[in-house]
Amino acid sequence: MYLWIFCICDFISLVVQAVGGGLASDASSTAGGDTKPGTDIMVAGILFQMASIAIFTVLGVNFLISARSDVFPPKLKLLVAATSLSVVMIFTRSVYRCIELLQGWSGFLITHEGYFIALDGALMVVAVGCFNLFHPSWLLKRDEDQDVRDFSMESSLKDDMVGNE
């Protein structure tokens, strides 16, 4: 259920940002056009996305506490770490994007490329790149002799606790 909720939230935030970007672009192409309403809509989309990420994080931490993540198999711990790193990078980028857009289209951050490279591009490279190093299909791979029907988090945790992997 979480998958559907958060994918829909992400889709909504992207649509809101796109609508705002379209309005701002349209306004900038007309003489004396005011880009602020479109920019404000873009910021609202980013803030909605940040709220969704914050709720996802709270629910994720709650799950990890409830599931006793201290007994997770090492590979699952790596996946949780990669996901956590990715979420922090995306959230940090979103903070930067809000500040950048609130300064306006001629603001300090938007007119200095170094900040864009460091706080937008580099953060996204880390957010996505960590999954190249810790790819879910590698970390969640079942043993070849294990029947798919036998796989569950409970059995995986029991196996790990007795030293089998």
N, C-alpha and C. Protein backbone atom coordinates (compact mmCIF):
# COMPACT_ATOMS: atom_id res chain seq x y z
N MET A 1 0.82 -1.19 0.00
CA MET A 1 0.00 0.00 0.00
C MET A 1 0.87 1.27 0.00
N TYR A 2 1.99 1.20 0.75
CA TYR A 2 2.87 2.37 0.79
C TYR A 2 3.39 2.73 -0.60
N LEU A 3 3.70 1.71 -1.39
CA LEU A 3 4.19 1.96 -2.74
C LEU A 3 3.23 2.85 -3.50
N TRP A 4 1.95 2.50 -3.49
CA TRP A 4 0.96 3.27 -4.22
C TRP A 4 0.82 4.69 -3.66
N ILE A 5 0.77 4.80 -2.36
CA ILE A 5 0.59 6.12 -1.74
C ILE A 5 1.74 7.04 -2.12
N PHE A 6 2.98 6.57 -1.95
CA PHE A 6 4.11 7.46 -2.18
C PHE A 6 4.41 7.68 -3.66
N CYS A 7 4.11 6.72 -4.50
CA CYS A 7 4.25 6.96 -5.95
C CYS A 7 3.23 7.98 -6.43
N ILE A 8 2.00 7.90 -5.92
CA ILE A 8 0.99 8.88 -6.28
C ILE A 8 1.37 10.27 -5.76
N CYS A 9 1.87 10.33 -4.53
CA CYS A 9 2.32 11.63 -3.99
C CYS A 9 3.45 12.21 -4.84
N ASP A 10 4.39 11.37 -5.24
CA ASP A 10 5.49 11.85 -6.07
C ASP A 10 4.98 12.33 -7.42
N PHE A 11 4.06 11.59 -8.00
CA PHE A 11 3.47 11.99 -9.28
C PHE A 11 2.77 13.35 -9.14
N ILE A 12 1.98 13.52 -8.09
CA ILE A 12 1.29 14.79 -7.86
C ILE A 12 2.29 15.93 -7.72
N SER A 13 3.35 15.71 -6.95
CA SER A 13 4.34 16.78 -6.76
C SER A 13 5.02 17.14 -8.08
N LEU A 14 5.29 16.14 -8.92
CA LEU A 14 5.92 16.42 -10.22
C LEU A 14 4.97 17.18 -11.14
N VAL A 15 3.69 16.82 -11.11
CA VAL A 15 2.71 17.53 -11.94
C VAL A 15 2.58 18.98 -11.48
N VAL A 16 2.52 19.19 -10.18
CA VAL A 16 2.42 20.56 -9.66
C VAL A 16 3.66 21.37 -10.06
N GLN A 17 4.83 20.77 -9.93
CA GLN A 17 6.06 21.46 -10.32
C GLN A 17 6.06 21.77 -11.82
N ALA A 18 5.59 20.84 -12.62
CA ALA A 18 5.54 21.06 -14.07
C ALA A 18 4.57 22.17 -14.43
N VAL A 19 3.41 22.20 -13.80
CA VAL A 19 2.44 23.26 -14.06
C VAL A 19 3.04 24.61 -13.68
N GLY A 20 3.67 24.67 -12.53
CA GLY A 20 4.32 25.92 -12.12
C GLY A 20 5.41 26.33 -13.07
N GLY A 21 6.22 25.37 -13.50
CA GLY A 21 7.29 25.68 -14.46
C GLY A 21 6.73 26.17 -15.78
N GLY A 22 5.64 25.56 -16.24
CA GLY A 22 5.00 26.01 -17.48
C GLY A 22 4.47 27.43 -17.36
N LEU A 23 3.83 27.73 -16.24
CA LEU A 23 3.31 29.08 -16.02
C LEU A 23 4.43 30.10 -15.95
N ALA A 24 5.50 29.76 -15.23
CA ALA A 24 6.63 30.67 -15.12
C ALA A 24 7.30 30.89 -16.47
N SER A 25 7.43 29.82 -17.24
CA SER A 25 8.04 29.92 -18.57
C SER A 25 7.19 30.79 -19.50
N ASP A 26 5.89 30.56 -19.45
CA ASP A 26 4.98 31.34 -20.28
C ASP A 26 5.04 32.83 -19.90
N ALA A 27 5.08 33.11 -18.61
CA ALA A 27 5.13 34.49 -18.15
C ALA A 27 6.45 35.16 -18.54
N SER A 28 7.53 34.39 -18.54
CA SER A 28 8.83 34.99 -18.89
C SER A 28 8.94 35.31 -20.37
N SER A 29 8.11 34.67 -21.18
CA SER A 29 8.19 34.91 -22.62
C SER A 29 7.33 36.09 -23.07
N THR A 30 6.56 36.65 -22.16
CA THR A 30 5.76 37.83 -22.50
C THR A 30 6.37 39.05 -21.85
N ALA A 31 6.27 40.18 -22.53
CA ALA A 31 6.82 41.42 -22.01
C ALA A 31 6.09 41.80 -20.72
N GLY A 32 6.86 42.03 -19.68
CA GLY A 32 6.30 42.42 -18.39
C GLY A 32 5.60 41.29 -17.67
N GLY A 33 5.84 40.05 -18.10
CA GLY A 33 5.20 38.88 -17.47
C GLY A 33 5.71 38.65 -16.06
N ASP A 34 4.83 38.23 -15.18
CA ASP A 34 5.19 37.97 -13.79
C ASP A 34 5.39 36.46 -13.59
N THR A 35 6.62 36.07 -13.32
CA THR A 35 6.93 34.65 -13.13
C THR A 35 6.66 34.16 -11.71
N LYS A 36 6.39 35.08 -10.80
CA LYS A 36 6.24 34.70 -9.39
C LYS A 36 5.12 33.68 -9.14
N PRO A 37 3.93 33.84 -9.70
CA PRO A 37 2.90 32.82 -9.43
C PRO A 37 3.32 31.41 -9.86
N GLY A 38 3.91 31.29 -11.02
CA GLY A 38 4.38 29.98 -11.48
C GLY A 38 5.50 29.44 -10.60
N THR A 39 6.40 30.32 -10.21
CA THR A 39 7.50 29.92 -9.34
C THR A 39 6.97 29.46 -7.99
N ASP A 40 5.99 30.18 -7.46
CA ASP A 40 5.40 29.79 -6.18
C ASP A 40 4.72 28.43 -6.27
N ILE A 41 4.11 28.13 -7.40
CA ILE A 41 3.48 26.82 -7.60
C ILE A 41 4.56 25.74 -7.66
N MET A 42 5.68 26.03 -8.31
CA MET A 42 6.79 25.08 -8.33
C MET A 42 7.28 24.78 -6.92
N VAL A 43 7.43 25.83 -6.12
CA VAL A 43 7.89 25.67 -4.74
C VAL A 43 6.87 24.84 -3.95
N ALA A 44 5.58 25.09 -4.18
CA ALA A 44 4.55 24.30 -3.49
C ALA A 44 4.68 22.82 -3.84
N GLY A 45 4.98 22.51 -5.09
CA GLY A 45 5.18 21.12 -5.49
C GLY A 45 6.37 20.49 -4.79
N ILE A 46 7.44 21.25 -4.67
CA ILE A 46 8.64 20.74 -3.98
C ILE A 46 8.34 20.55 -2.49
N LEU A 47 7.63 21.50 -1.88
CA LEU A 47 7.28 21.38 -0.46
C LEU A 47 6.37 20.17 -0.22
N PHE A 48 5.45 19.92 -1.14
CA PHE A 48 4.59 18.73 -1.03
C PHE A 48 5.45 17.47 -1.10
N GLN A 49 6.41 17.48 -2.00
CA GLN A 49 7.32 16.33 -2.13
C GLN A 49 8.13 16.14 -0.84
N MET A 50 8.59 17.24 -0.26
CA MET A 50 9.37 17.15 0.97
C MET A 50 8.51 16.61 2.12
N ALA A 51 7.24 17.03 2.18
CA ALA A 51 6.33 16.51 3.21
C ALA A 51 6.13 15.00 3.02
N SER A 52 5.99 14.58 1.77
CA SER A 52 5.84 13.14 1.48
C SER A 52 7.09 12.38 1.89
N ILE A 53 8.25 12.92 1.60
CA ILE A 53 9.50 12.27 1.99
C ILE A 53 9.62 12.19 3.51
N ALA A 54 9.23 13.26 4.20
CA ALA A 54 9.29 13.26 5.66
C ALA A 54 8.37 12.18 6.24
N ILE A 55 7.17 12.06 5.71
CA ILE A 55 6.24 11.02 6.19
C ILE A 55 6.79 9.64 5.87
N PHE A 56 7.33 9.46 4.66
CA PHE A 56 7.96 8.18 4.29
C PHE A 56 9.07 7.83 5.27
N THR A 57 9.88 8.81 5.64
CA THR A 57 11.00 8.58 6.54
C THR A 57 10.50 8.18 7.93
N VAL A 58 9.50 8.88 8.44
CA VAL A 58 8.95 8.54 9.76
C VAL A 58 8.39 7.11 9.75
N LEU A 59 7.63 6.77 8.71
CA LEU A 59 7.07 5.42 8.62
C LEU A 59 8.18 4.37 8.46
N GLY A 60 9.22 4.71 7.69
CA GLY A 60 10.34 3.79 7.51
C GLY A 60 11.09 3.54 8.81
N VAL A 61 11.35 4.59 9.56
CA VAL A 61 12.04 4.44 10.85
C VAL A 61 11.16 3.64 11.81
N ASN A 62 9.87 3.92 11.80
CA ASN A 62 8.94 3.17 12.66
C ASN A 62 8.99 1.68 12.30
N PHE A 63 9.00 1.37 11.01
CA PHE A 63 9.10 -0.02 10.58
C PHE A 63 10.40 -0.65 11.06
N LEU A 64 11.52 0.05 10.90
CA LEU A 64 12.81 -0.51 11.29
C LEU A 64 12.87 -0.78 12.79
N ILE A 65 12.28 0.11 13.56
CA ILE A 65 12.25 -0.11 15.01
C ILE A 65 11.36 -1.30 15.34
N SER A 66 10.18 -1.34 14.73
CA SER A 66 9.23 -2.43 15.00
C SER A 66 9.77 -3.78 14.54
N ALA A 67 10.51 -3.80 13.44
CA ALA A 67 11.00 -5.05 12.88
C ALA A 67 12.31 -5.51 13.52
N ARG A 68 12.76 -4.78 14.51
CA ARG A 68 14.05 -5.10 15.15
C ARG A 68 15.15 -5.19 14.11
N SER A 69 15.46 -4.07 13.51
CA SER A 69 16.43 -4.04 12.42
C SER A 69 17.82 -4.48 12.85
N ASP A 70 18.06 -4.60 14.15
CA ASP A 70 19.37 -5.08 14.61
C ASP A 70 19.61 -6.54 14.23
N VAL A 71 18.56 -7.28 13.88
CA VAL A 71 18.74 -8.67 13.48
C VAL A 71 18.56 -8.86 11.97
N PHE A 72 18.52 -7.80 11.22
CA PHE A 72 18.42 -7.91 9.76
C PHE A 72 19.67 -8.56 9.21
N PRO A 73 19.54 -9.30 8.13
CA PRO A 73 20.73 -9.84 7.46
C PRO A 73 21.62 -8.68 6.99
N PRO A 74 22.93 -8.90 6.94
CA PRO A 74 23.84 -7.84 6.54
C PRO A 74 23.50 -7.19 5.18
N LYS A 75 23.06 -8.00 4.23
CA LYS A 75 22.72 -7.45 2.91
C LYS A 75 21.53 -6.50 3.00
N LEU A 76 20.57 -6.82 3.83
CA LEU A 76 19.41 -5.95 4.00
C LEU A 76 19.80 -4.66 4.70
N LYS A 77 20.75 -4.75 5.62
CA LYS A 77 21.25 -3.54 6.29
C LYS A 77 21.92 -2.61 5.27
N LEU A 78 22.65 -3.18 4.32
CA LEU A 78 23.26 -2.36 3.26
C LEU A 78 22.20 -1.67 2.42
N LEU A 79 21.13 -2.37 2.11
CA LEU A 79 20.05 -1.78 1.32
C LEU A 79 19.36 -0.66 2.09
N VAL A 80 19.14 -0.86 3.37
CA VAL A 80 18.55 0.20 4.21
C VAL A 80 19.48 1.41 4.26
N ALA A 81 20.77 1.17 4.37
CA ALA A 81 21.74 2.28 4.39
C ALA A 81 21.73 3.03 3.07
N ALA A 82 21.70 2.32 1.95
CA ALA A 82 21.67 2.97 0.64
C ALA A 82 20.39 3.78 0.47
N THR A 83 19.27 3.22 0.89
CA THR A 83 18.00 3.94 0.80
C THR A 83 18.03 5.19 1.67
N SER A 84 18.58 5.07 2.87
CA SER A 84 18.68 6.22 3.78
C SER A 84 19.54 7.31 3.18
N LEU A 85 20.69 6.94 2.62
CA LEU A 85 21.56 7.92 1.98
C LEU A 85 20.84 8.61 0.83
N SER A 86 20.15 7.84 0.02
CA SER A 86 19.44 8.40 -1.12
C SER A 86 18.36 9.38 -0.66
N VAL A 87 17.60 9.02 0.36
CA VAL A 87 16.55 9.91 0.87
C VAL A 87 17.14 11.21 1.40
N VAL A 88 18.25 11.12 2.13
CA VAL A 88 18.89 12.34 2.66
C VAL A 88 19.36 13.23 1.51
N MET A 89 19.95 12.64 0.47
CA MET A 89 20.42 13.43 -0.67
C MET A 89 19.25 14.12 -1.38
N ILE A 90 18.17 13.41 -1.59
CA ILE A 90 17.01 13.98 -2.29
C ILE A 90 16.37 15.08 -1.44
N PHE A 91 16.26 14.86 -0.15
CA PHE A 91 15.67 15.87 0.72
C PHE A 91 16.54 17.13 0.76
N THR A 92 17.85 16.95 0.85
CA THR A 92 18.77 18.09 0.85
C THR A 92 18.66 18.86 -0.46
N ARG A 93 18.59 18.16 -1.57
CA ARG A 93 18.41 18.81 -2.86
C ARG A 93 17.11 19.60 -2.90
N SER A 94 16.07 19.06 -2.33
CA SER A 94 14.78 19.74 -2.32
C SER A 94 14.84 21.04 -1.52
N VAL A 95 15.56 21.02 -0.41
CA VAL A 95 15.75 22.24 0.38
C VAL A 95 16.46 23.29 -0.48
N TYR A 96 17.53 22.87 -1.14
CA TYR A 96 18.26 23.78 -2.02
C TYR A 96 17.35 24.35 -3.12
N ARG A 97 16.57 23.49 -3.75
CA ARG A 97 15.70 23.94 -4.85
C ARG A 97 14.65 24.95 -4.36
N CYS A 98 14.11 24.72 -3.18
CA CYS A 98 13.14 25.69 -2.63
C CYS A 98 13.80 27.05 -2.41
N ILE A 99 14.95 27.05 -1.79
CA ILE A 99 15.65 28.32 -1.53
C ILE A 99 16.02 28.99 -2.85
N GLU A 100 16.53 28.20 -3.78
CA GLU A 100 16.91 28.74 -5.09
C GLU A 100 15.72 29.42 -5.78
N LEU A 101 14.58 28.75 -5.81
CA LEU A 101 13.41 29.31 -6.50
C LEU A 101 12.80 30.49 -5.73
N LEU A 102 12.84 30.43 -4.42
CA LEU A 102 12.30 31.55 -3.64
C LEU A 102 13.12 32.82 -3.81
N GLN A 103 14.39 32.67 -4.17
CA GLN A 103 15.22 33.85 -4.46
C GLN A 103 14.86 34.47 -5.80
N GLY A 104 14.11 33.78 -6.60
CA GLY A 104 13.71 34.30 -7.91
C GLY A 104 14.67 33.86 -9.00
N TRP A 105 14.27 34.19 -10.24
CA TRP A 105 15.02 33.73 -11.41
C TRP A 105 16.32 34.49 -11.64
N SER A 106 16.53 35.53 -10.88
CA SER A 106 17.82 36.24 -10.96
C SER A 106 18.50 36.25 -9.60
N GLY A 107 18.11 35.33 -8.72
CA GLY A 107 18.69 35.23 -7.38
C GLY A 107 20.12 34.71 -7.40
N PHE A 108 20.71 34.75 -6.21
CA PHE A 108 22.11 34.37 -6.07
C PHE A 108 22.36 32.92 -6.47
N LEU A 109 21.59 32.00 -5.91
CA LEU A 109 21.86 30.58 -6.15
C LEU A 109 21.66 30.18 -7.61
N ILE A 110 20.61 30.70 -8.23
CA ILE A 110 20.31 30.31 -9.61
C ILE A 110 21.32 30.89 -10.61
N THR A 111 22.03 31.94 -10.19
CA THR A 111 22.99 32.58 -11.09
C THR A 111 24.44 32.17 -10.81
N HIS A 112 24.64 31.25 -9.89
CA HIS A 112 25.99 30.76 -9.58
C HIS A 112 26.02 29.24 -9.77
N GLU A 113 26.62 28.82 -10.87
CA GLU A 113 26.57 27.44 -11.32
C GLU A 113 27.18 26.45 -10.32
N GLY A 114 28.16 26.86 -9.56
CA GLY A 114 28.81 25.97 -8.60
C GLY A 114 27.83 25.40 -7.58
N TYR A 115 26.92 26.23 -7.13
CA TYR A 115 25.91 25.76 -6.18
C TYR A 115 24.99 24.73 -6.83
N PHE A 116 24.63 24.98 -8.08
CA PHE A 116 23.77 24.04 -8.81
C PHE A 116 24.47 22.70 -8.96
N ILE A 117 25.73 22.74 -9.33
CA ILE A 117 26.48 21.50 -9.53
C ILE A 117 26.60 20.72 -8.22
N ALA A 118 26.94 21.43 -7.13
CA ALA A 118 27.15 20.76 -5.85
C ALA A 118 25.85 20.33 -5.18
N LEU A 119 24.85 21.21 -5.19
CA LEU A 119 23.64 20.97 -4.41
C LEU A 119 22.47 20.38 -5.21
N ASP A 120 22.65 20.24 -6.50
CA ASP A 120 21.62 19.62 -7.31
C ASP A 120 22.20 18.39 -8.00
N GLY A 121 23.12 18.61 -8.92
CA GLY A 121 23.68 17.51 -9.70
C GLY A 121 24.42 16.47 -8.88
N ALA A 122 25.34 16.91 -8.05
CA ALA A 122 26.16 15.97 -7.29
C ALA A 122 25.31 15.17 -6.30
N LEU A 123 24.33 15.84 -5.67
CA LEU A 123 23.47 15.13 -4.73
C LEU A 123 22.65 14.05 -5.43
N MET A 124 22.19 14.35 -6.64
CA MET A 124 21.41 13.35 -7.38
C MET A 124 22.29 12.21 -7.87
N VAL A 125 23.53 12.50 -8.22
CA VAL A 125 24.46 11.43 -8.61
C VAL A 125 24.67 10.48 -7.45
N VAL A 126 24.85 11.01 -6.24
CA VAL A 126 25.01 10.16 -5.06
C VAL A 126 23.72 9.39 -4.78
N ALA A 127 22.56 10.08 -4.86
CA ALA A 127 21.27 9.45 -4.56
C ALA A 127 21.00 8.26 -5.48
N VAL A 128 21.34 8.39 -6.73
CA VAL A 128 21.09 7.31 -7.69
C VAL A 128 22.28 6.35 -7.73
N GLY A 129 23.48 6.90 -7.65
CA GLY A 129 24.68 6.07 -7.75
C GLY A 129 24.84 5.06 -6.65
N CYS A 130 24.34 5.37 -5.45
CA CYS A 130 24.48 4.40 -4.36
C CYS A 130 23.75 3.10 -4.68
N PHE A 131 22.72 3.17 -5.52
CA PHE A 131 22.01 1.95 -5.89
C PHE A 131 22.72 1.18 -7.00
N ASN A 132 23.71 1.79 -7.63
CA ASN A 132 24.57 1.03 -8.54
C ASN A 132 25.55 0.17 -7.74
N LEU A 133 26.00 0.70 -6.62
CA LEU A 133 26.91 -0.05 -5.75
C LEU A 133 26.16 -1.07 -4.91
N PHE A 134 24.98 -0.70 -4.44
CA PHE A 134 24.18 -1.56 -3.57
C PHE A 134 22.84 -1.81 -4.25
N HIS A 135 22.89 -2.53 -5.34
CA HIS A 135 21.69 -2.76 -6.16
C HIS A 135 20.73 -3.71 -5.44
N PRO A 136 19.45 -3.31 -5.35
CA PRO A 136 18.48 -4.16 -4.65
C PRO A 136 18.41 -5.60 -5.17
N SER A 137 18.56 -5.81 -6.46
CA SER A 137 18.46 -7.18 -6.98
C SER A 137 19.63 -8.04 -6.50
N TRP A 138 20.77 -7.42 -6.20
CA TRP A 138 21.90 -8.18 -5.67
C TRP A 138 21.71 -8.44 -4.17
N LEU A 139 21.20 -7.43 -3.49
CA LEU A 139 21.10 -7.54 -2.03
C LEU A 139 19.89 -8.35 -1.58
N LEU A 140 18.88 -8.44 -2.41
CA LEU A 140 17.68 -9.20 -2.05
C LEU A 140 17.61 -10.55 -2.74
N LYS A 141 18.70 -10.93 -3.40
CA LYS A 141 18.75 -12.19 -4.15
C LYS A 141 18.63 -13.37 -3.20
N ARG A 142 17.79 -14.30 -3.58
CA ARG A 142 17.59 -15.52 -2.80
C ARG A 142 18.66 -16.54 -3.18
N ASP A 143 18.92 -17.44 -2.26
CA ASP A 143 19.82 -18.55 -2.58
C ASP A 143 19.20 -19.36 -3.70
N GLU A 144 20.03 -19.91 -4.58
CA GLU A 144 19.53 -20.68 -5.73
C GLU A 144 18.74 -21.91 -5.31
N ASP A 145 19.10 -22.51 -4.17
CA ASP A 145 18.41 -23.72 -3.76
C ASP A 145 17.16 -23.42 -2.93
N GLN A 146 16.88 -22.17 -2.67
CA GLN A 146 15.71 -21.81 -1.87
C GLN A 146 14.50 -21.63 -2.78
N ASP A 147 13.44 -22.27 -2.45
CA ASP A 147 12.19 -22.15 -3.19
C ASP A 147 11.59 -20.77 -2.91
N VAL A 148 11.12 -20.13 -3.95
CA VAL A 148 10.54 -18.79 -3.82
C VAL A 148 9.41 -18.79 -2.79
N ARG A 149 8.65 -19.85 -2.74
CA ARG A 149 7.52 -19.91 -1.80
C ARG A 149 7.99 -19.98 -0.36
N ASP A 150 9.24 -20.39 -0.13
CA ASP A 150 9.76 -20.51 1.23
C ASP A 150 10.35 -19.20 1.75
N PHE A 151 10.49 -18.22 0.88
CA PHE A 151 11.15 -16.98 1.29
C PHE A 151 10.19 -16.08 2.05
N SER A 152 10.62 -15.64 3.19
CA SER A 152 9.88 -14.62 3.95
C SER A 152 10.89 -13.90 4.81
N MET A 153 10.51 -12.71 5.27
CA MET A 153 11.41 -11.95 6.14
C MET A 153 11.67 -12.75 7.41
N GLU A 154 10.66 -13.42 7.93
CA GLU A 154 10.81 -14.17 9.17
C GLU A 154 11.82 -15.30 9.01
N SER A 155 11.72 -16.07 7.92
CA SER A 155 12.66 -17.17 7.72
C SER A 155 14.06 -16.64 7.45
N SER A 156 14.15 -15.53 6.75
CA SER A 156 15.45 -14.93 6.45
C SER A 156 16.12 -14.47 7.73
N LEU A 157 15.33 -13.87 8.63
CA LEU A 157 15.89 -13.40 9.89
C LEU A 157 16.33 -14.59 10.76
N LYS A 158 15.55 -15.65 10.77
CA LYS A 158 15.93 -16.82 11.56
C LYS A 158 17.22 -17.42 11.04
N ASP A 159 17.34 -17.54 9.70
CA ASP A 159 18.55 -18.09 9.11
C ASP A 159 19.77 -17.25 9.46
N ASP A 160 19.62 -15.94 9.43
CA ASP A 160 20.74 -15.06 9.70
C ASP A 160 21.15 -15.14 11.17
N MET A 161 20.18 -15.33 12.04
CA MET A 161 20.48 -15.37 13.46
C MET A 161 21.28 -16.62 13.83
N VAL A 162 21.12 -17.70 13.08
CA VAL A 162 21.87 -18.91 13.36
C VAL A 162 23.14 -19.00 12.51
N GLY A 163 23.43 -17.96 11.73
CA GLY A 163 24.65 -17.90 10.98
C GLY A 163 24.58 -18.39 9.57
N ASN A 164 23.42 -18.80 9.08
CA ASN A 164 23.26 -19.27 7.70
C ASN A 164 22.92 -18.09 6.82
N GLU A 165 23.44 -18.05 5.64
CA GLU A 165 23.08 -17.00 4.67
C GLU A 165 22.92 -17.55 3.32
